[in-house]
Structures are given as C-alpha cells and as structure tokens.
C-alpha atoms as a PDB file:
ATOM      1  CA  MET A   1     -60.227 -51.133 -84.592  1.00  0.00           C
ATOM      2  CA  PHE A   2     -59.359 -52.640 -87.623  1.00  0.00           C
ATOM      3  CA  LEU A   3     -61.797 -54.010 -90.121  1.00  0.00           C
ATOM      4  CA  LEU A   4     -60.421 -56.676 -92.632  1.00  0.00           C
ATOM      5  CA  GLY A   5     -62.353 -55.078 -95.782  1.00  0.00           C
ATOM      6  CA  GLU A   6     -63.398 -51.677 -97.447  1.00  0.00           C
ATOM      7  CA  SER A   7     -66.665 -53.558 -97.887  1.00  0.00           C
ATOM      8  CA  PHE A   8     -67.198 -54.163 -94.343  1.00  0.00           C
ATOM      9  CA  PHE A   9     -66.429 -50.419 -93.450  1.00  0.00           C
ATOM     10  CA  SER A  10     -68.944 -49.091 -96.068  1.00  0.00           C
ATOM     11  CA  ALA A  11     -71.588 -51.438 -94.666  1.00  0.00           C
ATOM     12  CA  ALA A  12     -71.055 -50.061 -91.289  1.00  0.00           C
ATOM     13  CA  LEU A  13     -71.312 -46.374 -92.248  1.00  0.00           C
ATOM     14  CA  GLU A  14     -74.618 -47.075 -94.283  1.00  0.00           C
ATOM     15  CA  LYS A  15     -75.980 -48.310 -90.998  1.00  0.00           C
ATOM     16  CA  ASP A  16     -74.655 -45.358 -89.117  1.00  0.00           C
ATOM     17  CA  LEU A  17     -73.131 -42.359 -90.593  1.00  0.00           C
ATOM     18  CA  THR A  18     -71.998 -41.192 -87.228  1.00  0.00           C
ATOM     19  CA  LEU A  19     -69.843 -44.269 -86.690  1.00  0.00           C
ATOM     20  CA  ILE A  20     -66.276 -42.322 -87.235  1.00  0.00           C
ATOM     21  CA  GLU A  21     -67.437 -39.318 -84.812  1.00  0.00           C
ATOM     22  CA  ASP A  22     -68.465 -41.844 -81.720  1.00  0.00           C
ATOM     23  CA  GLY A  23     -65.096 -43.596 -82.791  1.00  0.00           C
ATOM     24  CA  ILE A  24     -63.038 -40.669 -82.085  1.00  0.00           C
ATOM     25  CA  GLY A  25     -65.249 -39.668 -79.010  1.00  0.00           C
ATOM     26  CA  VAL A  26     -64.569 -42.758 -76.948  1.00  0.00           C
ATOM     27  CA  ARG A  27     -60.647 -42.675 -78.828  1.00  0.00           C
ATOM     28  CA  VAL A  28     -61.223 -45.594 -81.406  1.00  0.00           C
ATOM     29  CA  ILE A  29     -60.352 -45.137 -84.919  1.00  0.00           C
ATOM     30  CA  LEU A  30     -61.749 -47.505 -87.525  1.00  0.00           C
ATOM     31  CA  ALA A  31     -58.879 -48.591 -89.731  1.00  0.00           C
ATOM     32  CA  THR A  32     -59.233 -50.923 -92.902  1.00  0.00           C
ATOM     33  CA  PRO A  33     -56.156 -52.123 -95.122  1.00  0.00           C
ATOM     34  CA  THR A  34     -56.008 -49.165 -96.818  1.00  0.00           C
ATOM     35  CA  THR A  35     -56.313 -46.790 -93.716  1.00  0.00           C
ATOM     36  CA  LEU A  36     -54.051 -48.411 -91.646  1.00  0.00           C
ATOM     37  CA  ILE A  37     -51.355 -48.404 -93.797  1.00  0.00           C
ATOM     38  CA  ALA A  38     -51.912 -44.452 -94.351  1.00  0.00           C
ATOM     39  CA  LEU A  39     -52.308 -44.178 -90.437  1.00  0.00           C
ATOM     40  CA  LEU A  40     -49.073 -46.112 -89.966  1.00  0.00           C
ATOM     41  CA  ARG A  41     -47.371 -44.133 -92.778  1.00  0.00           C
ATOM     42  CA  THR A  42     -48.532 -40.842 -90.744  1.00  0.00           C
ATOM     43  CA  VAL A  43     -47.335 -42.332 -87.337  1.00  0.00           C
ATOM     44  CA  ALA A  44     -43.803 -42.837 -88.520  1.00  0.00           C
ATOM     45  CA  TYR A  45     -43.125 -39.562 -90.551  1.00  0.00           C
ATOM     46  CA  SER A  46     -44.855 -37.967 -87.103  1.00  0.00           C
ATOM     47  CA  TRP A  47     -42.088 -39.786 -85.086  1.00  0.00           C
ATOM     48  CA  GLN A  48     -39.074 -39.117 -87.616  1.00  0.00           C
ATOM     49  CA  GLN A  49     -40.503 -35.083 -87.433  1.00  0.00           C
ATOM     50  CA  GLN A  50     -40.295 -35.741 -83.940  1.00  0.00           C
ATOM     51  CA  GLN A  51     -36.662 -36.994 -83.812  1.00  0.00           C
ATOM     52  CA  VAL A  52     -35.612 -34.317 -86.277  1.00  0.00           C
ATOM     53  CA  ALA A  53     -37.017 -31.564 -83.855  1.00  0.00           C
ATOM     54  CA  GLU A  54     -35.111 -33.154 -81.226  1.00  0.00           C
ATOM     55  CA  ASN A  55     -31.692 -33.599 -82.992  1.00  0.00           C
ATOM     56  CA  ALA A  56     -32.128 -29.613 -83.680  1.00  0.00           C
ATOM     57  CA  GLN A  57     -32.516 -28.914 -80.166  1.00  0.00           C
ATOM     58  CA  ARG A  58     -29.656 -30.958 -79.386  1.00  0.00           C
ATOM     59  CA  ILE A  59     -27.707 -29.245 -82.619  1.00  0.00           C
ATOM     60  CA  ALA A  60     -28.465 -25.608 -80.749  1.00  0.00           C
ATOM     61  CA  GLU A  61     -27.739 -26.593 -77.202  1.00  0.00           C
ATOM     62  CA  ALA A  62     -24.155 -27.821 -78.458  1.00  0.00           C
ATOM     63  CA  GLY A  63     -24.010 -24.872 -80.669  1.00  0.00           C
ATOM     64  CA  LYS A  64     -24.571 -22.511 -77.470  1.00  0.00           C
ATOM     65  CA  GLU A  65     -22.029 -24.490 -75.382  1.00  0.00           C
ATOM     66  CA  LEU A  66     -19.727 -24.366 -78.273  1.00  0.00           C
ATOM     67  CA  PHE A  67     -19.828 -20.422 -78.394  1.00  0.00           C
ATOM     68  CA  GLU A  68     -19.312 -19.844 -74.908  1.00  0.00           C
ATOM     69  CA  ARG A  69     -16.259 -22.082 -74.577  1.00  0.00           C
ATOM     70  CA  VAL A  70     -14.762 -20.130 -77.948  1.00  0.00           C
ATOM     71  CA  TYR A  71     -15.927 -17.124 -75.995  1.00  0.00           C
ATOM     72  CA  VAL A  72     -14.243 -18.295 -72.535  1.00  0.00           C
ATOM     73  CA  PHE A  73     -10.574 -19.453 -74.915  1.00  0.00           C
ATOM     74  CA  ALA A  74     -10.431 -16.300 -76.549  1.00  0.00           C
ATOM     75  CA  GLU A  75     -11.001 -14.509 -73.331  1.00  0.00           C
ATOM     76  CA  HIS A  76      -8.237 -16.742 -71.601  1.00  0.00           C
ATOM     77  CA  LEU A  77      -6.144 -15.918 -75.235  1.00  0.00           C
ATOM     78  CA  GLY A  78      -6.298 -12.289 -75.114  1.00  0.00           C
ATOM     79  CA  LYS A  79      -5.190 -12.373 -71.420  1.00  0.00           C
ATOM     80  CA  VAL A  80      -1.765 -14.616 -72.697  1.00  0.00           C
ATOM     81  CA  GLY A  81      -1.213 -11.702 -74.880  1.00  0.00           C
ATOM     82  CA  ASP A  82      -1.445  -9.053 -73.322  1.00  0.00           C
ATOM     83  CA  GLY A  83       1.074 -10.932 -70.617  1.00  0.00           C
ATOM     84  CA  LEU A  84       3.244 -11.446 -74.045  1.00  0.00           C
ATOM     85  CA  ARG A  85       3.314  -7.764 -74.586  1.00  0.00           C
ATOM     86  CA  LYS A  86       3.739  -7.051 -70.888  1.00  0.00           C
ATOM     87  CA  ALA A  87       6.938  -9.714 -70.725  1.00  0.00           C
ATOM     88  CA  THR A  88       8.145  -8.226 -73.923  1.00  0.00           C
ATOM     89  CA  GLU A  89       8.094  -4.428 -72.647  1.00  0.00           C
ATOM     90  CA  THR A  90       9.797  -5.923 -69.692  1.00  0.00           C
ATOM     91  CA  TYR A  91      12.516  -7.771 -70.703  1.00  0.00           C
ATOM     92  CA  ASN A  92      13.233  -5.114 -73.682  1.00  0.00           C
ATOM     93  CA  SER A  93      13.477  -2.786 -70.661  1.00  0.00           C
ATOM     94  CA  ALA A  94      15.603  -4.912 -68.897  1.00  0.00           C
ATOM     95  CA  VAL A  95      17.671  -5.631 -71.659  1.00  0.00           C
ATOM     96  CA  GLY A  96      18.074  -1.612 -72.138  1.00  0.00           C
ATOM     97  CA  SER A  97      19.529  -1.288 -68.248  1.00  0.00           C
ATOM     98  CA  TRP A  98      22.274  -4.243 -69.042  1.00  0.00           C
ATOM     99  CA  THR A  99      22.820  -2.222 -72.534  1.00  0.00           C
ATOM    100  CA  ASN A 100      23.384   1.315 -71.164  1.00  0.00           C
ATOM    101  CA  ARG A 101      24.078   0.694 -67.542  1.00  0.00           C
ATOM    102  CA  VAL A 102      25.418  -3.066 -66.451  1.00  0.00           C
ATOM    103  CA  LEU A 103      27.261  -3.654 -69.892  1.00  0.00           C
ATOM    104  CA  PRO A 104      29.611  -0.306 -69.544  1.00  0.00           C
ATOM    105  CA  SER A 105      30.537  -0.712 -66.087  1.00  0.00           C
ATOM    106  CA  GLY A 106      31.236  -4.709 -66.840  1.00  0.00           C
ATOM    107  CA  ARG A 107      33.716  -3.745 -69.697  1.00  0.00           C
ATOM    108  CA  ARG A 108      35.101  -0.778 -67.227  1.00  0.00           C
ATOM    109  CA  MET A 109      36.020  -3.583 -64.724  1.00  0.00           C
ATOM    110  CA  ALA A 110      37.477  -5.741 -67.752  1.00  0.00           C
ATOM    111  CA  GLU A 111      39.575  -2.440 -68.468  1.00  0.00           C
ATOM    112  CA  LEU A 112      41.010  -2.320 -65.296  1.00  0.00           C
ATOM    113  CA  GLY A 113      42.111  -5.469 -64.734  1.00  0.00           C
ATOM    114  CA  VAL A 114      39.729  -6.491 -61.992  1.00  0.00           C
ATOM    115  CA  VAL A 115      38.338  -9.475 -64.098  1.00  0.00           C
ATOM    116  CA  ALA A 116      39.904 -12.535 -65.885  1.00  0.00           C
ATOM    117  CA  GLY A 117      40.536 -11.164 -69.110  1.00  0.00           C
ATOM    118  CA  ASP A 118      39.447 -14.499 -71.175  1.00  0.00           C
ATOM    119  CA  ARG A 119      35.591 -13.780 -69.986  1.00  0.00           C
ATOM    120  CA  GLU A 120      33.872 -10.771 -71.753  1.00  0.00           C
ATOM    121  CA  LEU A 121      30.021  -9.431 -71.077  1.00  0.00           C
ATOM    122  CA  VAL A 122      28.206 -10.075 -74.389  1.00  0.00           C
ATOM    123  CA  GLU A 123      25.476  -8.025 -75.898  1.00  0.00           C
ATOM    124  CA  ILE A 124      21.766  -8.903 -75.592  1.00  0.00           C
ATOM    125  CA  ALA A 125      19.234  -8.403 -78.297  1.00  0.00           C
ATOM    126  CA  THR A 126      16.211  -7.244 -77.646  1.00  0.00           C
ATOM    127  CA  VAL A 127      12.897  -8.862 -79.153  1.00  0.00           C
ATOM    128  CA  ASP A 128      10.898  -6.958 -81.717  1.00  0.00           C
ATOM    129  CA  ALA A 129       7.962  -9.533 -82.077  1.00  0.00           C
ATOM    130  CA  THR A 130       4.280  -7.687 -81.969  1.00  0.00           C
ATOM    131  CA  VAL A 131       1.521 -10.262 -80.486  1.00  0.00           C
ATOM    132  CA  ARG A 132      -1.816  -9.862 -82.103  1.00  0.00           C
ATOM    133  CA  ALA A 133      -4.765  -8.872 -80.498  1.00  0.00           C
ATOM    134  CA  VAL A 134      -7.746 -11.713 -79.885  1.00  0.00           C
ATOM    135  CA  ALA A 135     -11.266  -9.725 -81.235  1.00  0.00           C
ATOM    136  CA  VAL A 136     -13.580 -10.567 -78.414  1.00  0.00           C
ATOM    137  CA  ASN A 137     -16.767  -8.779 -79.337  1.00  0.00           C
ATOM    138  CA  GLY A 138     -16.939  -8.752 -82.965  1.00  0.00           C
END
C-alpha cells in the first residue's frame, strides 16, 4: 500500500507500532516514496539475479550437450582412424602381393611374347602415412 508521504507513515506508526507486522501478516507492504523506490530496486535486482541464474542453467545444459556431442564425434573419428589404418595395411599387403607375385609373372609373360610389347606392368608404391590416434578418455 502506497502512502503519499513519510509523515503519514510516521504518524500511523506512532498510533500503532504493530502496523508493519500486521500488514505483512495479511500480505500488505506499506510503502512511502522512499521505501517504494528501494522496494522496486530490490525487485528489479531479484529479477535480474533470477535471469542470471536461468542463463547459467541454460549454459550448463548447453555445455553438457556440447560435451556429449564432442564425445560421440571423437568416438566416430577414432573409428575412421582405425578404418584408415586397416585400409592402409590391406592396401600395402595388396601392393606386396602385386610386387612379389603378380608383377614377376606378368613380366615373364611379356618376355615370352604372350602379350603385346607396347604395354608394360608398372610398380605400385606402398602408402607410408600414419594415422594419429584420437584420445577419447582424457
């Protein structure tokens, strides 16, 4: 309840010292111009703090979601690395078979005149690249 002047509030308190407590008991706050401004600032600050707390909660939730996504991505990336290592090993095994078994037989066929002389089997290089491991747990 708004009182127009401090003097009115002071006079009312002189007549009844329990006026403030009685008002609070029935959910009425007595406010003069000075106390009203203080109350409004307090309410504004509370709303601001509530907004800050809500934003902090949203940031925490977004951070948790981001971490989960990064964790899953790192697992997928690790599997891609494993696949590349396996593909490189398999490719290099195939190149070894080509170099040691197929190429010598093909050259012999060319030397014996079984194939046209303008075509020649070539060497194939192995892949020496290494794939870095992704550290998922720490």
